[in-house]
Amino acid sequence: MNAPLPRVIIVDDESRMRSLLVQYLEDYEEFRLETADSGEAALELLSAEPADLCIVDIRLPGMDGAAFIKEARKRGRCDRFLVHTGSLDLNLSEQLHSHGLCDEDVFYKPTDLDALLARLRFHLHTAGS
């Protein structure tokens, strides 16, 4: 029996950005992709089923990306994240470092999608280690 594909949620308030990421990643047929336009909507998706990884924009309406990451981890619904941001001056806070993110997990828009895919695969393949 085949294991289910890893569940990846893309959290971004820009519909064009969500579509771009989905169109790119779905070609590889390695993930179950879902999208949310806010941190609150993403938490609703996570309440139904945990995700293996979330790709998160930091600047979101309402709950920002950092608060979403903190809450998703606190609830035990996702513990692996990539940050996808247009904020070129973003410095990972100590709080985000404490939630397992490092500089290699931050991608600035416009993104090198091949590099994002490689990091996504890295996290998913080390999930059980």
N, C-alpha and C. Protein backbone atom coordinates (compact mmCIF):
# COMPACT_ATOMS: atom_id res chain seq x y z
N MET A 1 0.84 -1.17 0.00
CA MET A 1 0.00 0.00 0.00
C MET A 1 0.89 1.24 0.00
N ASN A 2 0.55 2.19 -0.84
CA ASN A 2 1.33 3.42 -0.93
C ASN A 2 0.95 4.39 0.17
N ALA A 3 1.95 5.04 0.73
CA ALA A 3 1.70 6.08 1.74
C ALA A 3 1.08 7.29 1.05
N PRO A 4 0.23 8.01 1.76
CA PRO A 4 -0.35 9.21 1.13
C PRO A 4 0.74 10.25 0.86
N LEU A 5 0.50 11.06 -0.14
CA LEU A 5 1.45 12.12 -0.45
C LEU A 5 1.48 13.13 0.69
N PRO A 6 2.63 13.76 0.93
CA PRO A 6 2.71 14.77 1.98
C PRO A 6 1.75 15.94 1.70
N ARG A 7 1.12 16.42 2.76
CA ARG A 7 0.18 17.55 2.65
C ARG A 7 0.95 18.85 2.84
N VAL A 8 0.85 19.73 1.84
CA VAL A 8 1.52 21.03 1.87
C VAL A 8 0.45 22.10 1.72
N ILE A 9 0.47 23.07 2.63
CA ILE A 9 -0.48 24.19 2.56
C ILE A 9 0.31 25.46 2.24
N ILE A 10 -0.17 26.17 1.24
CA ILE A 10 0.42 27.45 0.83
C ILE A 10 -0.46 28.55 1.41
N VAL A 11 0.13 29.39 2.25
CA VAL A 11 -0.60 30.46 2.93
C VAL A 11 -0.09 31.80 2.41
N ASP A 12 -0.90 32.44 1.57
CA ASP A 12 -0.52 33.73 0.99
C ASP A 12 -1.80 34.48 0.64
N ASP A 13 -1.84 35.76 0.92
CA ASP A 13 -3.04 36.55 0.63
C ASP A 13 -3.14 36.96 -0.84
N GLU A 14 -2.08 36.78 -1.61
CA GLU A 14 -2.10 37.11 -3.03
C GLU A 14 -2.49 35.88 -3.84
N SER A 15 -3.66 35.94 -4.48
CA SER A 15 -4.15 34.78 -5.23
C SER A 15 -3.20 34.40 -6.36
N ARG A 16 -2.59 35.38 -7.00
CA ARG A 16 -1.64 35.10 -8.09
C ARG A 16 -0.44 34.30 -7.59
N MET A 17 0.03 34.64 -6.38
CA MET A 17 1.19 33.94 -5.82
C MET A 17 0.80 32.51 -5.44
N ARG A 18 -0.38 32.35 -4.84
CA ARG A 18 -0.83 30.98 -4.51
C ARG A 18 -0.92 30.14 -5.78
N SER A 19 -1.51 30.70 -6.83
CA SER A 19 -1.66 29.97 -8.09
C SER A 19 -0.32 29.62 -8.71
N LEU A 20 0.61 30.55 -8.68
CA LEU A 20 1.95 30.30 -9.24
C LEU A 20 2.61 29.12 -8.53
N LEU A 21 2.57 29.12 -7.21
CA LEU A 21 3.20 28.04 -6.45
C LEU A 21 2.51 26.70 -6.71
N VAL A 22 1.19 26.71 -6.73
CA VAL A 22 0.46 25.46 -6.99
C VAL A 22 0.78 24.95 -8.39
N GLN A 23 0.73 25.81 -9.39
CA GLN A 23 1.00 25.38 -10.77
C GLN A 23 2.39 24.78 -10.90
N TYR A 24 3.36 25.36 -10.24
CA TYR A 24 4.72 24.85 -10.30
C TYR A 24 4.83 23.51 -9.57
N LEU A 25 4.37 23.46 -8.34
CA LEU A 25 4.55 22.26 -7.50
C LEU A 25 3.70 21.08 -7.94
N GLU A 26 2.52 21.33 -8.49
CA GLU A 26 1.65 20.21 -8.86
C GLU A 26 2.22 19.41 -10.02
N ASP A 27 3.09 20.00 -10.82
CA ASP A 27 3.71 19.27 -11.93
C ASP A 27 4.54 18.09 -11.45
N TYR A 28 5.02 18.14 -10.21
CA TYR A 28 5.89 17.08 -9.69
C TYR A 28 5.11 15.92 -9.09
N GLU A 29 3.82 16.11 -8.84
CA GLU A 29 2.95 15.05 -8.33
C GLU A 29 3.52 14.37 -7.08
N GLU A 30 4.17 15.17 -6.22
CA GLU A 30 4.78 14.66 -4.99
C GLU A 30 4.04 15.11 -3.74
N PHE A 31 3.06 16.01 -3.90
CA PHE A 31 2.43 16.64 -2.75
C PHE A 31 0.92 16.73 -2.95
N ARG A 32 0.19 16.77 -1.84
CA ARG A 32 -1.21 17.17 -1.84
C ARG A 32 -1.20 18.65 -1.47
N LEU A 33 -1.55 19.49 -2.41
CA LEU A 33 -1.45 20.93 -2.23
C LEU A 33 -2.81 21.53 -1.88
N GLU A 34 -2.79 22.42 -0.89
CA GLU A 34 -3.97 23.19 -0.55
C GLU A 34 -3.51 24.62 -0.32
N THR A 35 -4.45 25.55 -0.41
CA THR A 35 -4.09 26.95 -0.23
C THR A 35 -5.04 27.62 0.76
N ALA A 36 -4.53 28.69 1.36
CA ALA A 36 -5.31 29.52 2.26
C ALA A 36 -4.88 30.96 2.03
N ASP A 37 -5.83 31.89 2.14
CA ASP A 37 -5.52 33.30 1.91
C ASP A 37 -5.24 34.08 3.19
N SER A 38 -5.24 33.36 4.33
CA SER A 38 -4.95 34.01 5.61
C SER A 38 -4.48 32.97 6.61
N GLY A 39 -3.86 33.45 7.69
CA GLY A 39 -3.45 32.53 8.75
C GLY A 39 -4.65 31.85 9.39
N GLU A 40 -5.73 32.61 9.56
CA GLU A 40 -6.94 32.05 10.17
C GLU A 40 -7.52 30.93 9.29
N ALA A 41 -7.57 31.15 7.97
CA ALA A 41 -8.08 30.13 7.06
C ALA A 41 -7.18 28.89 7.06
N ALA A 42 -5.89 29.10 7.15
CA ALA A 42 -4.95 27.98 7.19
C ALA A 42 -5.13 27.17 8.48
N LEU A 43 -5.38 27.83 9.60
CA LEU A 43 -5.63 27.11 10.85
C LEU A 43 -6.89 26.27 10.74
N GLU A 44 -7.90 26.76 10.03
CA GLU A 44 -9.12 25.97 9.79
C GLU A 44 -8.79 24.70 9.01
N LEU A 45 -7.97 24.83 7.96
CA LEU A 45 -7.55 23.65 7.20
C LEU A 45 -6.80 22.67 8.08
N LEU A 46 -5.93 23.20 8.93
CA LEU A 46 -5.14 22.35 9.81
C LEU A 46 -5.99 21.67 10.88
N SER A 47 -7.10 22.28 11.25
CA SER A 47 -7.96 21.67 12.28
C SER A 47 -8.57 20.36 11.76
N ALA A 48 -8.74 20.26 10.45
CA ALA A 48 -9.30 19.04 9.87
C ALA A 48 -8.24 17.95 9.72
N GLU A 49 -7.01 18.35 9.42
CA GLU A 49 -5.93 17.39 9.19
C GLU A 49 -4.60 18.13 9.29
N PRO A 50 -3.62 17.57 9.99
CA PRO A 50 -2.31 18.23 10.07
C PRO A 50 -1.66 18.31 8.68
N ALA A 51 -0.73 19.23 8.54
CA ALA A 51 0.05 19.34 7.30
C ALA A 51 1.48 18.89 7.59
N ASP A 52 2.13 18.41 6.56
CA ASP A 52 3.54 18.04 6.68
C ASP A 52 4.44 19.26 6.60
N LEU A 53 3.97 20.29 5.88
CA LEU A 53 4.74 21.53 5.74
C LEU A 53 3.80 22.63 5.26
N CYS A 54 4.07 23.85 5.72
CA CYS A 54 3.34 25.03 5.25
C CYS A 54 4.33 26.02 4.67
N ILE A 55 3.97 26.57 3.51
CA ILE A 55 4.73 27.66 2.89
C ILE A 55 3.96 28.93 3.23
N VAL A 56 4.60 29.83 3.98
CA VAL A 56 3.88 30.94 4.62
C VAL A 56 4.45 32.30 4.23
N ASP A 57 3.55 33.18 3.78
CA ASP A 57 3.90 34.59 3.61
C ASP A 57 3.89 35.23 4.99
N ILE A 58 4.82 36.12 5.26
CA ILE A 58 4.88 36.76 6.58
C ILE A 58 3.83 37.87 6.70
N ARG A 59 3.67 38.65 5.66
CA ARG A 59 2.69 39.75 5.70
C ARG A 59 1.34 39.23 5.23
N LEU A 60 0.48 38.98 6.19
CA LEU A 60 -0.87 38.50 5.91
C LEU A 60 -1.86 39.42 6.62
N PRO A 61 -3.06 39.56 6.09
CA PRO A 61 -4.07 40.35 6.80
C PRO A 61 -4.49 39.61 8.07
N GLY A 62 -4.81 40.34 9.11
CA GLY A 62 -5.18 39.70 10.37
C GLY A 62 -3.96 39.08 11.01
N MET A 63 -4.03 37.80 11.25
CA MET A 63 -2.90 37.05 11.83
C MET A 63 -1.74 37.03 10.84
N ASP A 64 -0.58 37.56 11.24
CA ASP A 64 0.55 37.53 10.32
C ASP A 64 1.19 36.14 10.28
N GLY A 65 2.13 35.97 9.36
CA GLY A 65 2.73 34.66 9.16
C GLY A 65 3.45 34.12 10.38
N ALA A 66 4.15 35.00 11.11
CA ALA A 66 4.87 34.56 12.31
C ALA A 66 3.89 34.05 13.36
N ALA A 67 2.79 34.75 13.55
CA ALA A 67 1.78 34.32 14.53
C ALA A 67 1.13 33.00 14.09
N PHE A 68 0.92 32.84 12.77
CA PHE A 68 0.37 31.58 12.27
C PHE A 68 1.32 30.43 12.57
N ILE A 69 2.60 30.61 12.29
CA ILE A 69 3.59 29.55 12.53
C ILE A 69 3.58 29.16 14.00
N LYS A 70 3.60 30.15 14.87
CA LYS A 70 3.59 29.89 16.31
C LYS A 70 2.34 29.09 16.71
N GLU A 71 1.19 29.51 16.21
CA GLU A 71 -0.07 28.85 16.59
C GLU A 71 -0.17 27.44 16.00
N ALA A 72 0.24 27.26 14.76
CA ALA A 72 0.19 25.94 14.13
C ALA A 72 1.07 24.95 14.89
N ARG A 73 2.25 25.40 15.30
CA ARG A 73 3.15 24.53 16.10
C ARG A 73 2.55 24.27 17.47
N LYS A 74 2.03 25.31 18.11
CA LYS A 74 1.45 25.16 19.44
C LYS A 74 0.33 24.13 19.44
N ARG A 75 -0.48 24.14 18.38
CA ARG A 75 -1.60 23.19 18.27
C ARG A 75 -1.14 21.82 17.80
N GLY A 76 0.12 21.69 17.42
CA GLY A 76 0.64 20.40 16.95
C GLY A 76 0.11 20.00 15.59
N ARG A 77 -0.22 20.98 14.75
CA ARG A 77 -0.84 20.69 13.45
C ARG A 77 0.15 20.78 12.29
N CYS A 78 1.30 21.40 12.53
CA CYS A 78 2.37 21.47 11.53
C CYS A 78 3.64 21.89 12.24
N ASP A 79 4.76 21.28 11.89
CA ASP A 79 6.00 21.68 12.54
C ASP A 79 7.13 21.98 11.56
N ARG A 80 6.81 22.03 10.28
CA ARG A 80 7.82 22.38 9.27
C ARG A 80 7.25 23.49 8.39
N PHE A 81 8.08 24.51 8.19
CA PHE A 81 7.62 25.71 7.49
C PHE A 81 8.70 26.25 6.57
N LEU A 82 8.26 26.84 5.46
CA LEU A 82 9.10 27.68 4.63
C LEU A 82 8.44 29.04 4.61
N VAL A 83 9.23 30.10 4.68
CA VAL A 83 8.72 31.45 4.61
C VAL A 83 8.91 31.94 3.18
N HIS A 84 7.84 32.50 2.61
CA HIS A 84 7.85 33.03 1.26
C HIS A 84 7.37 34.46 1.36
N THR A 85 8.27 35.42 1.21
CA THR A 85 7.93 36.80 1.55
C THR A 85 8.44 37.81 0.53
N GLY A 86 7.75 38.91 0.47
CA GLY A 86 8.22 40.04 -0.33
C GLY A 86 8.96 41.05 0.53
N SER A 87 9.08 40.79 1.81
CA SER A 87 9.76 41.69 2.76
C SER A 87 11.26 41.44 2.70
N LEU A 88 11.94 42.23 1.88
CA LEU A 88 13.37 42.02 1.68
C LEU A 88 14.18 42.30 2.93
N ASP A 89 13.60 43.05 3.87
CA ASP A 89 14.32 43.38 5.09
C ASP A 89 14.00 42.40 6.23
N LEU A 90 13.36 41.30 5.91
CA LEU A 90 12.99 40.33 6.95
C LEU A 90 14.22 39.74 7.61
N ASN A 91 14.24 39.79 8.91
CA ASN A 91 15.23 39.07 9.70
C ASN A 91 14.45 38.07 10.53
N LEU A 92 14.86 36.83 10.49
CA LEU A 92 14.15 35.83 11.29
C LEU A 92 14.28 36.18 12.76
N SER A 93 13.16 36.31 13.40
CA SER A 93 13.17 36.62 14.82
C SER A 93 13.64 35.40 15.62
N GLU A 94 14.03 35.65 16.84
CA GLU A 94 14.42 34.55 17.73
C GLU A 94 13.26 33.57 17.86
N GLN A 95 12.04 34.12 17.88
CA GLN A 95 10.86 33.27 17.99
C GLN A 95 10.75 32.31 16.81
N LEU A 96 10.97 32.81 15.58
CA LEU A 96 10.90 31.93 14.42
C LEU A 96 12.05 30.92 14.43
N HIS A 97 13.23 31.35 14.85
CA HIS A 97 14.33 30.39 15.00
C HIS A 97 13.95 29.30 16.00
N SER A 98 13.28 29.68 17.07
CA SER A 98 12.89 28.69 18.08
C SER A 98 11.85 27.71 17.56
N HIS A 99 11.18 28.08 16.47
CA HIS A 99 10.20 27.18 15.86
C HIS A 99 10.82 26.39 14.71
N GLY A 100 12.15 26.37 14.65
CA GLY A 100 12.85 25.50 13.72
C GLY A 100 13.21 26.11 12.38
N LEU A 101 12.94 27.39 12.18
CA LEU A 101 13.28 28.00 10.90
C LEU A 101 14.71 28.52 10.92
N CYS A 102 15.36 28.44 9.76
CA CYS A 102 16.70 29.00 9.61
C CYS A 102 16.71 29.81 8.32
N ASP A 103 17.80 30.50 8.06
CA ASP A 103 17.87 31.37 6.89
C ASP A 103 17.60 30.63 5.58
N GLU A 104 17.96 29.36 5.51
CA GLU A 104 17.72 28.57 4.30
C GLU A 104 16.24 28.30 4.06
N ASP A 105 15.40 28.58 5.06
CA ASP A 105 13.96 28.36 4.94
C ASP A 105 13.21 29.61 4.50
N VAL A 106 13.94 30.70 4.21
CA VAL A 106 13.33 31.96 3.80
C VAL A 106 13.58 32.18 2.31
N PHE A 107 12.49 32.43 1.58
CA PHE A 107 12.56 32.68 0.15
C PHE A 107 11.90 34.02 -0.13
N TYR A 108 12.61 34.87 -0.88
CA TYR A 108 12.13 36.21 -1.18
C TYR A 108 11.50 36.23 -2.57
N LYS A 109 10.36 36.91 -2.66
CA LYS A 109 9.67 37.06 -3.94
C LYS A 109 10.40 38.09 -4.79
N PRO A 110 10.59 37.87 -6.08
CA PRO A 110 10.26 36.65 -6.80
C PRO A 110 11.23 35.53 -6.44
N THR A 111 10.70 34.35 -6.34
CA THR A 111 11.42 33.21 -5.79
C THR A 111 12.04 32.34 -6.87
N ASP A 112 13.20 31.80 -6.56
CA ASP A 112 13.79 30.74 -7.36
C ASP A 112 13.01 29.48 -6.98
N LEU A 113 12.05 29.11 -7.81
CA LEU A 113 11.16 28.01 -7.48
C LEU A 113 11.89 26.67 -7.38
N ASP A 114 12.96 26.50 -8.14
CA ASP A 114 13.74 25.27 -8.04
C ASP A 114 14.38 25.15 -6.65
N ALA A 115 14.87 26.27 -6.13
CA ALA A 115 15.48 26.26 -4.79
C ALA A 115 14.41 26.00 -3.72
N LEU A 116 13.24 26.59 -3.88
CA LEU A 116 12.14 26.35 -2.93
C LEU A 116 11.75 24.88 -2.94
N LEU A 117 11.63 24.30 -4.13
CA LEU A 117 11.29 22.88 -4.26
C LEU A 117 12.35 22.01 -3.59
N ALA A 118 13.62 22.33 -3.78
CA ALA A 118 14.69 21.55 -3.16
C ALA A 118 14.60 21.61 -1.64
N ARG A 119 14.32 22.78 -1.09
CA ARG A 119 14.21 22.91 0.37
C ARG A 119 12.97 22.19 0.88
N LEU A 120 11.88 22.26 0.14
CA LEU A 120 10.66 21.54 0.49
C LEU A 120 10.94 20.04 0.54
N ARG A 121 11.58 19.53 -0.47
CA ARG A 121 11.94 18.11 -0.48
C ARG A 121 12.87 17.76 0.68
N PHE A 122 13.84 18.62 0.97
CA PHE A 122 14.75 18.39 2.09
C PHE A 122 13.95 18.20 3.38
N HIS A 123 13.05 19.12 3.67
CA HIS A 123 12.27 19.02 4.90
C HIS A 123 11.39 17.77 4.94
N LEU A 124 10.76 17.46 3.83
CA LEU A 124 9.87 16.29 3.82
C LEU A 124 10.64 14.98 3.91
N HIS A 125 11.84 14.93 3.36
CA HIS A 125 12.62 13.70 3.42
C HIS A 125 13.34 13.53 4.76
N THR A 126 13.46 14.63 5.53
CA THR A 126 14.08 14.51 6.85
C THR A 126 13.03 14.49 7.96
N ALA A 127 11.76 14.48 7.57
CA ALA A 127 10.67 14.54 8.56
C ALA A 127 10.72 13.38 9.55
N GLY A 128 11.12 12.24 9.08
CA GLY A 128 11.14 11.08 9.98
C GLY A 128 12.46 10.89 10.71
N SER A 129 13.45 11.71 10.37
CA SER A 129 14.77 11.53 10.99
C SER A 129 14.86 12.13 12.36
